[in-house]
Amino acid sequence: MCLNSVLYSVSRLNLKCEFILVDDASPAPDRVLDAFRQHRSNAKGHETKIIRSRKHQHYSGVFSIGLHFASRDVIFFISNDMSVPPSFI
């Protein structure tokens, strides 16, 4: 739901984005990689990078990974439990 809300918002604002999706060693039954791949399929016109860590990185580690792979100057960090309306962006 979080990624869908971001896609909706950036489309309403007519923005092109780079998504850096970081999976920090989630359990296979959580199907996080499937969700990331579905987002990439839904995010036509946007760049999507999927990064997988072999060990749990905690919140600050995931931020560090995201910054490392970012190629843009304006960055928003979101978490899986957020809803992102256009007014947030």
N, C-alpha and C. Protein backbone atom coordinates (compact mmCIF):
# COMPACT_ATOMS: atom_id res chain seq x y z
N MET A 1 0.82 -1.19 0.00
CA MET A 1 0.00 0.00 0.00
C MET A 1 0.87 1.26 0.00
N CYS A 2 1.99 1.21 0.69
CA CYS A 2 2.87 2.36 0.75
C CYS A 2 3.37 2.73 -0.64
N LEU A 3 3.91 1.76 -1.36
CA LEU A 3 4.44 2.04 -2.70
C LEU A 3 3.35 2.50 -3.65
N ASN A 4 2.17 1.94 -3.52
CA ASN A 4 1.05 2.39 -4.37
C ASN A 4 0.70 3.84 -4.08
N SER A 5 0.74 4.23 -2.81
CA SER A 5 0.42 5.62 -2.47
C SER A 5 1.47 6.57 -3.03
N VAL A 6 2.71 6.16 -3.04
CA VAL A 6 3.78 7.00 -3.61
C VAL A 6 3.58 7.13 -5.12
N LEU A 7 3.31 6.03 -5.79
CA LEU A 7 3.08 6.10 -7.24
C LEU A 7 1.90 6.99 -7.58
N TYR A 8 0.84 6.88 -6.82
CA TYR A 8 -0.32 7.74 -7.05
C TYR A 8 0.08 9.21 -6.90
N SER A 9 0.80 9.52 -5.83
CA SER A 9 1.17 10.90 -5.55
C SER A 9 2.09 11.49 -6.60
N VAL A 10 3.10 10.74 -7.00
CA VAL A 10 4.03 11.29 -8.00
C VAL A 10 3.35 11.43 -9.36
N SER A 11 2.38 10.57 -9.65
CA SER A 11 1.65 10.73 -10.91
C SER A 11 0.77 11.97 -10.86
N ARG A 12 0.13 12.24 -9.72
CA ARG A 12 -0.69 13.45 -9.58
C ARG A 12 0.15 14.72 -9.69
N LEU A 13 1.41 14.64 -9.25
CA LEU A 13 2.30 15.79 -9.29
C LEU A 13 3.14 15.83 -10.57
N ASN A 14 2.96 14.83 -11.43
CA ASN A 14 3.70 14.73 -12.68
C ASN A 14 5.22 14.73 -12.47
N LEU A 15 5.67 13.91 -11.53
CA LEU A 15 7.10 13.80 -11.21
C LEU A 15 7.67 12.50 -11.74
N LYS A 16 8.90 12.53 -12.15
CA LYS A 16 9.64 11.32 -12.52
C LYS A 16 10.60 11.05 -11.37
N CYS A 17 10.61 9.83 -10.90
CA CYS A 17 11.36 9.49 -9.69
C CYS A 17 12.30 8.31 -9.89
N GLU A 18 13.22 8.24 -8.98
CA GLU A 18 14.08 7.07 -8.84
C GLU A 18 13.67 6.41 -7.52
N PHE A 19 13.29 5.16 -7.59
CA PHE A 19 12.93 4.40 -6.40
C PHE A 19 14.08 3.46 -6.05
N ILE A 20 14.54 3.54 -4.84
CA ILE A 20 15.56 2.62 -4.34
C ILE A 20 14.90 1.81 -3.25
N LEU A 21 14.62 0.56 -3.55
CA LEU A 21 13.91 -0.32 -2.63
C LEU A 21 14.91 -1.26 -1.98
N VAL A 22 14.99 -1.20 -0.66
CA VAL A 22 16.01 -1.95 0.07
C VAL A 22 15.34 -3.04 0.90
N ASP A 23 15.71 -4.27 0.63
CA ASP A 23 15.26 -5.43 1.41
C ASP A 23 16.42 -5.83 2.31
N ASP A 24 16.27 -5.65 3.61
CA ASP A 24 17.37 -5.98 4.51
C ASP A 24 17.17 -7.37 5.13
N ALA A 25 17.28 -8.36 4.26
CA ALA A 25 17.24 -9.78 4.66
C ALA A 25 15.90 -10.20 5.24
N SER A 26 14.83 -9.79 4.60
CA SER A 26 13.51 -10.20 5.07
C SER A 26 13.32 -11.70 4.84
N PRO A 27 12.50 -12.34 5.67
CA PRO A 27 12.23 -13.77 5.49
C PRO A 27 11.49 -14.01 4.17
N ALA A 28 11.82 -15.10 3.51
CA ALA A 28 11.20 -15.43 2.22
C ALA A 28 9.67 -15.43 2.26
N PRO A 29 9.04 -15.95 3.32
CA PRO A 29 7.57 -15.93 3.35
C PRO A 29 6.95 -14.53 3.31
N ASP A 30 7.71 -13.50 3.64
CA ASP A 30 7.18 -12.13 3.59
C ASP A 30 7.01 -11.64 2.16
N ARG A 31 7.68 -12.27 1.22
CA ARG A 31 7.56 -11.98 -0.22
C ARG A 31 7.85 -10.51 -0.56
N VAL A 32 8.83 -9.94 0.13
CA VAL A 32 9.20 -8.55 -0.11
C VAL A 32 9.75 -8.37 -1.53
N LEU A 33 10.57 -9.28 -1.98
CA LEU A 33 11.12 -9.18 -3.33
C LEU A 33 10.01 -9.19 -4.37
N ASP A 34 8.99 -10.01 -4.17
CA ASP A 34 7.84 -10.02 -5.09
C ASP A 34 7.15 -8.65 -5.11
N ALA A 35 6.97 -8.06 -3.94
CA ALA A 35 6.34 -6.73 -3.86
C ALA A 35 7.19 -5.69 -4.57
N PHE A 36 8.51 -5.77 -4.42
CA PHE A 36 9.40 -4.82 -5.09
C PHE A 36 9.33 -5.00 -6.60
N ARG A 37 9.31 -6.22 -7.06
CA ARG A 37 9.22 -6.47 -8.50
C ARG A 37 7.89 -5.98 -9.06
N GLN A 38 6.82 -6.16 -8.30
CA GLN A 38 5.51 -5.67 -8.74
C GLN A 38 5.52 -4.15 -8.82
N HIS A 39 6.15 -3.51 -7.86
CA HIS A 39 6.26 -2.04 -7.90
C HIS A 39 7.02 -1.60 -9.15
N ARG A 40 8.14 -2.26 -9.44
CA ARG A 40 8.92 -1.90 -10.62
C ARG A 40 8.06 -2.03 -11.88
N SER A 41 7.25 -3.05 -11.95
CA SER A 41 6.36 -3.25 -13.09
C SER A 41 5.31 -2.14 -13.17
N ASN A 42 4.82 -1.70 -12.02
CA ASN A 42 3.80 -0.64 -11.97
C ASN A 42 4.38 0.75 -12.19
N ALA A 43 5.67 0.91 -11.99
CA ALA A 43 6.31 2.23 -11.99
C ALA A 43 6.93 2.55 -13.35
N LYS A 44 6.19 2.34 -14.41
CA LYS A 44 6.68 2.65 -15.76
C LYS A 44 7.06 4.14 -15.82
N GLY A 45 8.19 4.44 -16.44
CA GLY A 45 8.64 5.81 -16.56
C GLY A 45 9.50 6.29 -15.40
N HIS A 46 9.62 5.45 -14.38
CA HIS A 46 10.47 5.76 -13.23
C HIS A 46 11.59 4.72 -13.17
N GLU A 47 12.73 5.14 -12.65
CA GLU A 47 13.82 4.19 -12.44
C GLU A 47 13.60 3.49 -11.10
N THR A 48 13.79 2.19 -11.08
CA THR A 48 13.65 1.43 -9.83
C THR A 48 14.87 0.55 -9.63
N LYS A 49 15.52 0.72 -8.49
CA LYS A 49 16.65 -0.11 -8.10
C LYS A 49 16.20 -0.97 -6.92
N ILE A 50 16.45 -2.26 -7.02
CA ILE A 50 16.13 -3.18 -5.93
C ILE A 50 17.44 -3.65 -5.33
N ILE A 51 17.61 -3.38 -4.05
CA ILE A 51 18.84 -3.72 -3.34
C ILE A 51 18.48 -4.75 -2.27
N ARG A 52 19.24 -5.83 -2.22
CA ARG A 52 19.02 -6.87 -1.21
C ARG A 52 20.26 -7.04 -0.36
N SER A 53 20.07 -6.97 0.93
CA SER A 53 21.16 -7.17 1.87
C SER A 53 21.13 -8.62 2.36
N ARG A 54 22.29 -9.17 2.63
CA ARG A 54 22.36 -10.54 3.13
C ARG A 54 22.13 -10.63 4.63
N LYS A 55 22.20 -9.46 5.30
CA LYS A 55 21.93 -9.45 6.74
C LYS A 55 21.07 -8.25 7.10
N HIS A 56 20.39 -8.36 8.23
CA HIS A 56 19.51 -7.29 8.69
C HIS A 56 20.34 -6.05 8.99
N GLN A 57 19.92 -4.92 8.44
CA GLN A 57 20.68 -3.68 8.54
C GLN A 57 20.12 -2.69 9.55
N HIS A 58 18.94 -2.91 10.03
CA HIS A 58 18.25 -1.96 10.90
C HIS A 58 17.94 -0.68 10.12
N TYR A 59 17.22 0.20 10.73
CA TYR A 59 16.72 1.39 10.05
C TYR A 59 17.85 2.28 9.52
N SER A 60 18.82 2.58 10.34
CA SER A 60 19.90 3.48 9.90
C SER A 60 20.77 2.85 8.82
N GLY A 61 20.95 1.54 8.86
CA GLY A 61 21.72 0.87 7.82
C GLY A 61 21.03 0.92 6.48
N VAL A 62 19.71 0.79 6.48
CA VAL A 62 18.94 0.87 5.24
C VAL A 62 19.03 2.28 4.66
N PHE A 63 18.98 3.32 5.51
CA PHE A 63 19.16 4.69 5.04
C PHE A 63 20.51 4.84 4.35
N SER A 64 21.54 4.32 4.97
CA SER A 64 22.88 4.42 4.41
C SER A 64 22.97 3.75 3.04
N ILE A 65 22.37 2.59 2.93
CA ILE A 65 22.35 1.87 1.64
C ILE A 65 21.61 2.71 0.60
N GLY A 66 20.46 3.25 0.98
CA GLY A 66 19.69 4.07 0.04
C GLY A 66 20.47 5.27 -0.44
N LEU A 67 21.15 5.97 0.46
CA LEU A 67 21.96 7.13 0.07
C LEU A 67 23.09 6.74 -0.86
N HIS A 68 23.68 5.58 -0.60
CA HIS A 68 24.79 5.12 -1.44
C HIS A 68 24.35 4.93 -2.89
N PHE A 69 23.17 4.42 -3.09
CA PHE A 69 22.71 4.10 -4.45
C PHE A 69 21.92 5.23 -5.10
N ALA A 70 21.63 6.30 -4.38
CA ALA A 70 20.84 7.41 -4.93
C ALA A 70 21.65 8.20 -5.94
N SER A 71 20.98 8.61 -7.01
CA SER A 71 21.65 9.42 -8.02
C SER A 71 20.98 10.78 -8.19
N ARG A 72 20.09 11.13 -7.29
CA ARG A 72 19.38 12.42 -7.36
C ARG A 72 19.67 13.23 -6.11
N ASP A 73 19.38 14.53 -6.19
CA ASP A 73 19.68 15.44 -5.09
C ASP A 73 18.57 15.52 -4.04
N VAL A 74 17.33 15.36 -4.44
CA VAL A 74 16.22 15.44 -3.50
C VAL A 74 15.81 14.01 -3.15
N ILE A 75 15.82 13.72 -1.85
CA ILE A 75 15.58 12.35 -1.40
C ILE A 75 14.51 12.34 -0.33
N PHE A 76 13.54 11.44 -0.46
CA PHE A 76 12.55 11.18 0.57
C PHE A 76 12.72 9.74 1.01
N PHE A 77 12.81 9.54 2.30
CA PHE A 77 12.82 8.18 2.84
C PHE A 77 11.41 7.86 3.30
N ILE A 78 10.96 6.69 2.93
CA ILE A 78 9.65 6.23 3.39
C ILE A 78 9.82 4.84 3.97
N SER A 79 8.88 4.48 4.79
CA SER A 79 8.87 3.18 5.42
C SER A 79 7.61 2.44 5.00
N ASN A 80 7.64 1.14 5.10
CA ASN A 80 6.54 0.31 4.60
C ASN A 80 5.21 0.58 5.29
N ASP A 81 5.20 1.24 6.43
CA ASP A 81 3.96 1.48 7.15
C ASP A 81 3.41 2.89 6.91
N MET A 82 3.94 3.59 5.92
CA MET A 82 3.50 4.96 5.64
C MET A 82 2.54 5.00 4.46
N SER A 83 1.71 6.03 4.47
CA SER A 83 0.90 6.38 3.31
C SER A 83 1.39 7.77 2.90
N VAL A 84 1.61 7.98 1.60
CA VAL A 84 2.25 9.20 1.13
C VAL A 84 1.32 9.96 0.18
N PRO A 85 0.56 10.93 0.71
CA PRO A 85 -0.30 11.73 -0.15
C PRO A 85 0.51 12.77 -0.91
N PRO A 86 -0.03 13.33 -1.99
CA PRO A 86 0.71 14.36 -2.74
C PRO A 86 1.16 15.52 -1.86
N SER A 87 0.39 15.90 -0.86
CA SER A 87 0.77 17.03 0.00
C SER A 87 2.02 16.74 0.80
N PHE A 88 2.35 15.48 1.06
CA PHE A 88 3.58 15.12 1.76
C PHE A 88 4.79 15.44 0.89
N ILE A 89 4.67 15.14 -0.39
CA ILE A 89 5.77 15.36 -1.31
C ILE A 89 5.91 16.83 -1.62
